[in-house]
Amino acid sequence: MQVELISKTIGLNSYEELNNEEIIAAVARHGTIKDDNGKLVKYLMDHKHWSPLQHISFGFKIETRRSISAQIFRHDSLKKQEWSLRYSEPIGFEDIELRREHPTNRQSSTEPFDPIINDRPASELVSELLTEVEYLYHKLTQAGVAKECARDILPLCTQTTIHITGTLRDLLGFLNVRCDEHAQKEVRDIATRIGEELEKELPGVMAK
């Protein structure tokens, strides 16, 4: 898993010298630029006045697996682009951490473990299966099967690269859901990294 900040709003003309938090404040004041040491941004966050946060955006490049990209793409307000397996070979498979089923939450998990199945560790069986799938995929494409057909045998742990872009308001909504302890660990790790990148850019906003 990797997360990289690859784009952000840049002020132009009368906003050229402003950082993103200053742009938020200037938008809230309808163009009046005032050095208030972050007081207006704090007020906006404290009172949940989100509309000025819609005027700045950030883009991220994320390397993850297909099962996690699908969860990220459920956030309809984010703009998305994903590595296409119709045209390109799969990058590989992400390691799968096997975890115990949560005793009361059917969509969650607890601590990692490696059960024994047919006298062998489950992790070994998973590794063998992925090796076989990768081998068959390449045999299919070498035999002339189109990538858009061969890709259907690939598992959800297939690595992918996605780009997402969203307004600050949209990204904060994403973090509110995906940083929650009930979110899957892998998507929670991505959300945490996005939050860390936003904190570097917007320390006043992210402190709230």
C-alpha atoms as a PDB file:
ATOM      1  CA  MET A   1       0.000   0.000   0.000  1.00  0.00           C
ATOM      2  CA  GLN A   2       1.278   3.438  -0.944  1.00  0.00           C
ATOM      3  CA  VAL A   3      -0.366   6.853  -0.881  1.00  0.00           C
ATOM      4  CA  GLU A   4       1.086   9.867  -2.650  1.00  0.00           C
ATOM      5  CA  LEU A   5      -0.291  13.422  -2.790  1.00  0.00           C
ATOM      6  CA  ILE A   6      -0.001  14.380  -6.458  1.00  0.00           C
ATOM      7  CA  SER A   7      -2.057  17.574  -6.885  1.00  0.00           C
ATOM      8  CA  LYS A   8      -3.625  20.400  -4.932  1.00  0.00           C
ATOM      9  CA  THR A   9      -5.337  23.747  -5.462  1.00  0.00           C
ATOM     10  CA  ILE A  10      -2.973  26.617  -6.232  1.00  0.00           C
ATOM     11  CA  GLY A  11      -4.092  30.231  -5.877  1.00  0.00           C
ATOM     12  CA  LEU A  12      -3.796  32.595  -8.835  1.00  0.00           C
ATOM     13  CA  ASN A  13      -3.968  36.352  -9.338  1.00  0.00           C
ATOM     14  CA  SER A  14      -5.105  37.979  -6.081  1.00  0.00           C
ATOM     15  CA  TYR A  15      -4.923  34.579  -4.356  1.00  0.00           C
ATOM     16  CA  GLU A  16      -1.481  33.724  -5.711  1.00  0.00           C
ATOM     17  CA  GLU A  17       0.414  34.130  -2.447  1.00  0.00           C
ATOM     18  CA  LEU A  18      -2.151  32.290  -0.319  1.00  0.00           C
ATOM     19  CA  ASN A  19      -1.829  28.767   1.047  1.00  0.00           C
ATOM     20  CA  ASN A  20      -4.879  26.507   1.022  1.00  0.00           C
ATOM     21  CA  GLU A  21      -6.156  27.498   4.462  1.00  0.00           C
ATOM     22  CA  GLU A  22      -5.850  31.162   3.483  1.00  0.00           C
ATOM     23  CA  ILE A  23      -7.765  30.436   0.271  1.00  0.00           C
ATOM     24  CA  ILE A  24     -10.553  28.856   2.347  1.00  0.00           C
ATOM     25  CA  ALA A  25     -10.735  31.978   4.514  1.00  0.00           C
ATOM     26  CA  ALA A  26     -10.663  34.304   1.484  1.00  0.00           C
ATOM     27  CA  VAL A  27     -13.483  32.334  -0.172  1.00  0.00           C
ATOM     28  CA  ALA A  28     -15.510  32.530   3.047  1.00  0.00           C
ATOM     29  CA  ARG A  29     -14.979  36.327   3.058  1.00  0.00           C
ATOM     30  CA  HIS A  30     -15.825  36.545  -0.672  1.00  0.00           C
ATOM     31  CA  GLY A  31     -12.417  37.818  -1.674  1.00  0.00           C
ATOM     32  CA  THR A  32     -11.351  39.810   1.350  1.00  0.00           C
ATOM     33  CA  ILE A  33      -7.850  38.702   2.294  1.00  0.00           C
ATOM     34  CA  LYS A  34      -7.038  39.115   5.962  1.00  0.00           C
ATOM     35  CA  ASP A  35      -4.308  37.687   8.156  1.00  0.00           C
ATOM     36  CA  ASP A  36      -6.239  36.501  11.210  1.00  0.00           C
ATOM     37  CA  ASN A  37      -3.847  33.736  12.318  1.00  0.00           C
ATOM     38  CA  GLY A  38      -6.316  31.037  11.288  1.00  0.00           C
ATOM     39  CA  LYS A  39      -9.235  32.287  13.385  1.00  0.00           C
ATOM     40  CA  LEU A  40     -11.802  32.142  10.595  1.00  0.00           C
ATOM     41  CA  VAL A  41     -10.804  28.610   9.598  1.00  0.00           C
ATOM     42  CA  LYS A  42     -11.146  27.564  13.232  1.00  0.00           C
ATOM     43  CA  TYR A  43     -14.589  29.187  13.374  1.00  0.00           C
ATOM     44  CA  LEU A  44     -15.693  27.418  10.188  1.00  0.00           C
ATOM     45  CA  MET A  45     -14.593  24.041  11.518  1.00  0.00           C
ATOM     46  CA  ASP A  46     -16.021  24.572  15.016  1.00  0.00           C
ATOM     47  CA  HIS A  47     -19.430  25.545  13.600  1.00  0.00           C
ATOM     48  CA  LYS A  48     -19.477  23.023  10.738  1.00  0.00           C
ATOM     49  CA  HIS A  49     -19.628  25.614   7.980  1.00  0.00           C
ATOM     50  CA  TRP A  50     -18.374  23.290   5.257  1.00  0.00           C
ATOM     51  CA  SER A  51     -19.163  25.160   2.030  1.00  0.00           C
ATOM     52  CA  PRO A  52     -15.865  27.115   1.792  1.00  0.00           C
ATOM     53  CA  LEU A  53     -14.036  23.756   1.997  1.00  0.00           C
ATOM     54  CA  GLN A  54     -15.542  22.809  -1.373  1.00  0.00           C
ATOM     55  CA  HIS A  55     -13.328  25.326  -3.176  1.00  0.00           C
ATOM     56  CA  ILE A  56      -9.999  23.567  -2.733  1.00  0.00           C
ATOM     57  CA  SER A  57      -9.145  20.081  -3.971  1.00  0.00           C
ATOM     58  CA  PHE A  58      -6.443  17.445  -3.532  1.00  0.00           C
ATOM     59  CA  GLY A  59      -5.483  14.482  -5.690  1.00  0.00           C
ATOM     60  CA  PHE A  60      -3.867  11.233  -4.558  1.00  0.00           C
ATOM     61  CA  LYS A  61      -2.191   8.298  -6.270  1.00  0.00           C
ATOM     62  CA  ILE A  62      -2.873   5.099  -4.343  1.00  0.00           C
ATOM     63  CA  GLU A  63      -1.386   1.645  -4.795  1.00  0.00           C
ATOM     64  CA  THR A  64      -3.640  -0.990  -3.252  1.00  0.00           C
ATOM     65  CA  ARG A  65      -5.682  -4.085  -4.181  1.00  0.00           C
ATOM     66  CA  ARG A  66      -8.921  -4.415  -6.118  1.00  0.00           C
ATOM     67  CA  SER A  67     -11.021  -5.246  -3.048  1.00  0.00           C
ATOM     68  CA  ILE A  68      -9.949  -1.973  -1.424  1.00  0.00           C
ATOM     69  CA  SER A  69     -10.246   0.220  -4.514  1.00  0.00           C
ATOM     70  CA  ALA A  70     -13.870  -0.952  -4.760  1.00  0.00           C
ATOM     71  CA  GLN A  71     -14.513   0.350  -1.233  1.00  0.00           C
ATOM     72  CA  ILE A  72     -12.904   3.708  -2.016  1.00  0.00           C
ATOM     73  CA  PHE A  73     -14.948   4.051  -5.196  1.00  0.00           C
ATOM     74  CA  ARG A  74     -18.178   3.781  -3.189  1.00  0.00           C
ATOM     75  CA  HIS A  75     -17.574   7.418  -2.207  1.00  0.00           C
ATOM     76  CA  ASP A  76     -19.422   8.905  -5.171  1.00  0.00           C
ATOM     77  CA  SER A  77     -18.267  12.496  -4.671  1.00  0.00           C
ATOM     78  CA  LEU A  78     -14.622  11.576  -5.322  1.00  0.00           C
ATOM     79  CA  LYS A  79     -13.318  11.584  -8.906  1.00  0.00           C
ATOM     80  CA  LYS A  80     -11.616   8.273  -9.728  1.00  0.00           C
ATOM     81  CA  GLN A  81      -9.377   6.600 -12.271  1.00  0.00           C
ATOM     82  CA  GLU A  82      -8.123   3.000 -12.061  1.00  0.00           C
ATOM     83  CA  TRP A  83      -5.492   0.840 -13.755  1.00  0.00           C
ATOM     84  CA  SER A  84      -7.260  -0.978 -16.581  1.00  0.00           C
ATOM     85  CA  LEU A  85      -6.763  -4.712 -16.930  1.00  0.00           C
ATOM     86  CA  ARG A  86      -8.326  -4.613 -20.395  1.00  0.00           C
ATOM     87  CA  TYR A  87      -5.107  -3.109 -21.767  1.00  0.00           C
ATOM     88  CA  SER A  88      -2.380  -3.896 -19.253  1.00  0.00           C
ATOM     89  CA  GLU A  89      -0.959  -6.918 -17.498  1.00  0.00           C
ATOM     90  CA  PRO A  90      -1.775  -7.251 -13.769  1.00  0.00           C
ATOM     91  CA  ILE A  91       0.915  -5.736 -11.555  1.00  0.00           C
ATOM     92  CA  GLY A  92       0.876  -8.678  -9.152  1.00  0.00           C
ATOM     93  CA  PHE A  93      -0.892  -9.680  -5.957  1.00  0.00           C
ATOM     94  CA  GLU A  94      -0.849  -7.962  -2.573  1.00  0.00           C
ATOM     95  CA  ASP A  95      -0.023 -10.033   0.474  1.00  0.00           C
ATOM     96  CA  ILE A  96      -3.155 -11.150   2.288  1.00  0.00           C
ATOM     97  CA  GLU A  97      -3.236 -10.838   6.068  1.00  0.00           C
ATOM     98  CA  LEU A  98      -5.558 -13.532   7.402  1.00  0.00           C
ATOM     99  CA  ARG A  99      -7.486 -12.326  10.453  1.00  0.00           C
ATOM    100  CA  ARG A 100     -10.104 -13.868  12.705  1.00  0.00           C
ATOM    101  CA  GLU A 101     -13.768 -13.135  12.120  1.00  0.00           C
ATOM    102  CA  HIS A 102     -15.126 -10.598  14.599  1.00  0.00           C
ATOM    103  CA  PRO A 103     -17.377 -12.373  17.120  1.00  0.00           C
ATOM    104  CA  THR A 104     -20.250  -9.875  16.809  1.00  0.00           C
ATOM    105  CA  ASN A 105     -19.583  -7.813  13.654  1.00  0.00           C
ATOM    106  CA  ARG A 106     -19.916  -9.996  10.551  1.00  0.00           C
ATOM    107  CA  GLN A 107     -18.214  -7.462   8.279  1.00  0.00           C
ATOM    108  CA  SER A 108     -15.155  -6.983  10.477  1.00  0.00           C
ATOM    109  CA  SER A 109     -12.095  -8.891  11.696  1.00  0.00           C
ATOM    110  CA  THR A 110      -9.809  -9.046  14.710  1.00  0.00           C
ATOM    111  CA  GLU A 111      -6.250 -10.316  15.216  1.00  0.00           C
ATOM    112  CA  PRO A 112      -4.137 -11.973  12.499  1.00  0.00           C
ATOM    113  CA  PHE A 113      -3.861 -15.776  12.549  1.00  0.00           C
ATOM    114  CA  ASP A 114      -2.843 -18.613  10.251  1.00  0.00           C
ATOM    115  CA  PRO A 115      -5.193 -21.596  10.656  1.00  0.00           C
ATOM    116  CA  ILE A 116      -4.197 -25.113   9.727  1.00  0.00           C
ATOM    117  CA  ILE A 117      -6.191 -26.547   6.821  1.00  0.00           C
ATOM    118  CA  ASN A 118      -5.544 -30.121   5.693  1.00  0.00           C
ATOM    119  CA  ASP A 119      -2.445 -30.214   7.905  1.00  0.00           C
ATOM    120  CA  ARG A 120      -0.955 -27.121   6.267  1.00  0.00           C
ATOM    121  CA  PRO A 121      -0.886 -23.410   7.148  1.00  0.00           C
ATOM    122  CA  ALA A 122      -3.598 -21.514   5.294  1.00  0.00           C
ATOM    123  CA  SER A 123      -1.056 -18.901   4.178  1.00  0.00           C
ATOM    124  CA  GLU A 124       0.825 -21.567   2.221  1.00  0.00           C
ATOM    125  CA  LEU A 125      -2.353 -22.713   0.491  1.00  0.00           C
ATOM    126  CA  VAL A 126      -3.220 -19.129  -0.425  1.00  0.00           C
ATOM    127  CA  SER A 127       0.263 -18.575  -1.850  1.00  0.00           C
ATOM    128  CA  GLU A 128       0.023 -21.715  -3.971  1.00  0.00           C
ATOM    129  CA  LEU A 129      -3.389 -20.742  -5.294  1.00  0.00           C
ATOM    130  CA  LEU A 130      -2.184 -17.275  -6.327  1.00  0.00           C
ATOM    131  CA  THR A 131       0.819 -18.797  -8.090  1.00  0.00           C
ATOM    132  CA  GLU A 132      -1.504 -21.104 -10.035  1.00  0.00           C
ATOM    133  CA  VAL A 133      -3.847 -18.254 -10.954  1.00  0.00           C
ATOM    134  CA  GLU A 134      -0.966 -16.104 -12.182  1.00  0.00           C
ATOM    135  CA  TYR A 135       0.398 -18.997 -14.234  1.00  0.00           C
ATOM    136  CA  LEU A 136      -2.978 -19.697 -15.832  1.00  0.00           C
ATOM    137  CA  TYR A 137      -3.569 -16.009 -16.598  1.00  0.00           C
ATOM    138  CA  HIS A 138      -0.313 -15.775 -18.536  1.00  0.00           C
ATOM    139  CA  LYS A 139      -0.998 -19.070 -20.333  1.00  0.00           C
ATOM    140  CA  LEU A 140      -4.402 -17.744 -21.412  1.00  0.00           C
ATOM    141  CA  THR A 141      -3.029 -14.485 -22.793  1.00  0.00           C
ATOM    142  CA  GLN A 142      -0.142 -16.289 -24.501  1.00  0.00           C
ATOM    143  CA  ALA A 143      -2.716 -18.521 -26.184  1.00  0.00           C
ATOM    144  CA  GLY A 144      -4.450 -15.451 -27.582  1.00  0.00           C
ATOM    145  CA  VAL A 145      -7.205 -14.898 -25.008  1.00  0.00           C
ATOM    146  CA  ALA A 146      -8.029 -11.199 -24.719  1.00  0.00           C
ATOM    147  CA  LYS A 147      -6.932  -9.495 -21.508  1.00  0.00           C
ATOM    148  CA  GLU A 148     -10.515  -8.333 -20.922  1.00  0.00           C
ATOM    149  CA  CYS A 149     -11.523 -12.001 -20.711  1.00  0.00           C
ATOM    150  CA  ALA A 150      -8.481 -13.434 -18.952  1.00  0.00           C
ATOM    151  CA  ARG A 151      -8.754 -10.850 -16.176  1.00  0.00           C
ATOM    152  CA  ASP A 152     -11.950 -12.497 -14.949  1.00  0.00           C
ATOM    153  CA  ILE A 153      -9.938 -15.224 -13.213  1.00  0.00           C
ATOM    154  CA  LEU A 154      -7.902 -12.714 -11.184  1.00  0.00           C
ATOM    155  CA  PRO A 155      -8.636 -12.442  -7.433  1.00  0.00           C
ATOM    156  CA  LEU A 156      -9.545  -9.339  -5.457  1.00  0.00           C
ATOM    157  CA  CYS A 157      -6.014  -9.146  -4.023  1.00  0.00           C
ATOM    158  CA  THR A 158      -4.728  -8.200  -7.504  1.00  0.00           C
ATOM    159  CA  GLN A 159      -2.686  -5.027  -7.157  1.00  0.00           C
ATOM    160  CA  THR A 160      -4.030  -1.868  -8.718  1.00  0.00           C
ATOM    161  CA  THR A 161      -3.150   1.803  -8.998  1.00  0.00           C
ATOM    162  CA  ILE A 162      -5.902   4.365  -8.607  1.00  0.00           C
ATOM    163  CA  HIS A 163      -6.105   8.139  -8.647  1.00  0.00           C
ATOM    164  CA  ILE A 164      -8.711   9.989  -6.632  1.00  0.00           C
ATOM    165  CA  THR A 165      -9.397  13.704  -6.490  1.00  0.00           C
ATOM    166  CA  GLY A 166     -11.842  15.453  -4.235  1.00  0.00           C
ATOM    167  CA  THR A 167     -12.689  18.732  -2.624  1.00  0.00           C
ATOM    168  CA  LEU A 168     -11.531  19.094   0.941  1.00  0.00           C
ATOM    169  CA  ARG A 169     -15.115  18.679   2.118  1.00  0.00           C
ATOM    170  CA  ASP A 170     -15.443  15.396   0.199  1.00  0.00           C
ATOM    171  CA  LEU A 171     -12.119  14.091   1.493  1.00  0.00           C
ATOM    172  CA  LEU A 172     -13.028  14.883   5.090  1.00  0.00           C
ATOM    173  CA  GLY A 173     -16.258  12.940   4.587  1.00  0.00           C
ATOM    174  CA  PHE A 174     -14.222  10.002   3.266  1.00  0.00           C
ATOM    175  CA  LEU A 175     -11.893  10.148   6.284  1.00  0.00           C
ATOM    176  CA  ASN A 176     -14.824  10.311   8.680  1.00  0.00           C
ATOM    177  CA  VAL A 177     -16.073   6.958   7.371  1.00  0.00           C
ATOM    178  CA  ARG A 178     -12.830   5.146   6.543  1.00  0.00           C
ATOM    179  CA  CYS A 179     -10.773   6.103   9.597  1.00  0.00           C
ATOM    180  CA  ASP A 180     -13.449   4.614  11.818  1.00  0.00           C
ATOM    181  CA  GLU A 181     -12.465   1.469  13.731  1.00  0.00           C
ATOM    182  CA  HIS A 182     -15.241  -0.447  11.960  1.00  0.00           C
ATOM    183  CA  ALA A 183     -13.658   0.108   8.527  1.00  0.00           C
ATOM    184  CA  GLN A 184     -11.497  -2.670   7.094  1.00  0.00           C
ATOM    185  CA  LYS A 185      -7.893  -2.377   8.253  1.00  0.00           C
ATOM    186  CA  GLU A 186      -6.446  -2.006   4.742  1.00  0.00           C
ATOM    187  CA  VAL A 187      -8.735   0.870   3.732  1.00  0.00           C
ATOM    188  CA  ARG A 188      -8.289   2.416   7.182  1.00  0.00           C
ATOM    189  CA  ASP A 189      -4.516   2.447   6.618  1.00  0.00           C
ATOM    190  CA  ILE A 190      -5.032   4.306   3.326  1.00  0.00           C
ATOM    191  CA  ALA A 191      -7.382   6.816   4.939  1.00  0.00           C
ATOM    192  CA  THR A 192      -4.858   7.403   7.720  1.00  0.00           C
ATOM    193  CA  ARG A 193      -2.124   8.166   5.174  1.00  0.00           C
ATOM    194  CA  ILE A 194      -4.411  10.567   3.301  1.00  0.00           C
ATOM    195  CA  GLY A 195      -5.185  12.283   6.599  1.00  0.00           C
ATOM    196  CA  GLU A 196      -1.472  12.614   7.348  1.00  0.00           C
ATOM    197  CA  GLU A 197      -0.860  14.247   3.963  1.00  0.00           C
ATOM    198  CA  LEU A 198      -3.764  16.650   4.482  1.00  0.00           C
ATOM    199  CA  GLU A 199      -2.472  17.496   7.945  1.00  0.00           C
ATOM    200  CA  LYS A 200       0.814  18.665   6.399  1.00  0.00           C
ATOM    201  CA  GLU A 201      -1.077  20.930   4.013  1.00  0.00           C
ATOM    202  CA  LEU A 202      -3.843  22.061   6.362  1.00  0.00           C
ATOM    203  CA  PRO A 203      -2.681  21.914   9.989  1.00  0.00           C
ATOM    204  CA  GLY A 204      -5.416  24.294  11.153  1.00  0.00           C
ATOM    205  CA  VAL A 205      -8.245  22.384   9.483  1.00  0.00           C
ATOM    206  CA  MET A 206      -6.997  18.937  10.478  1.00  0.00           C
ATOM    207  CA  ALA A 207      -6.471  19.963  14.111  1.00  0.00           C
ATOM    208  CA  LYS A 208     -10.245  20.225  14.549  1.00  0.00           C
END
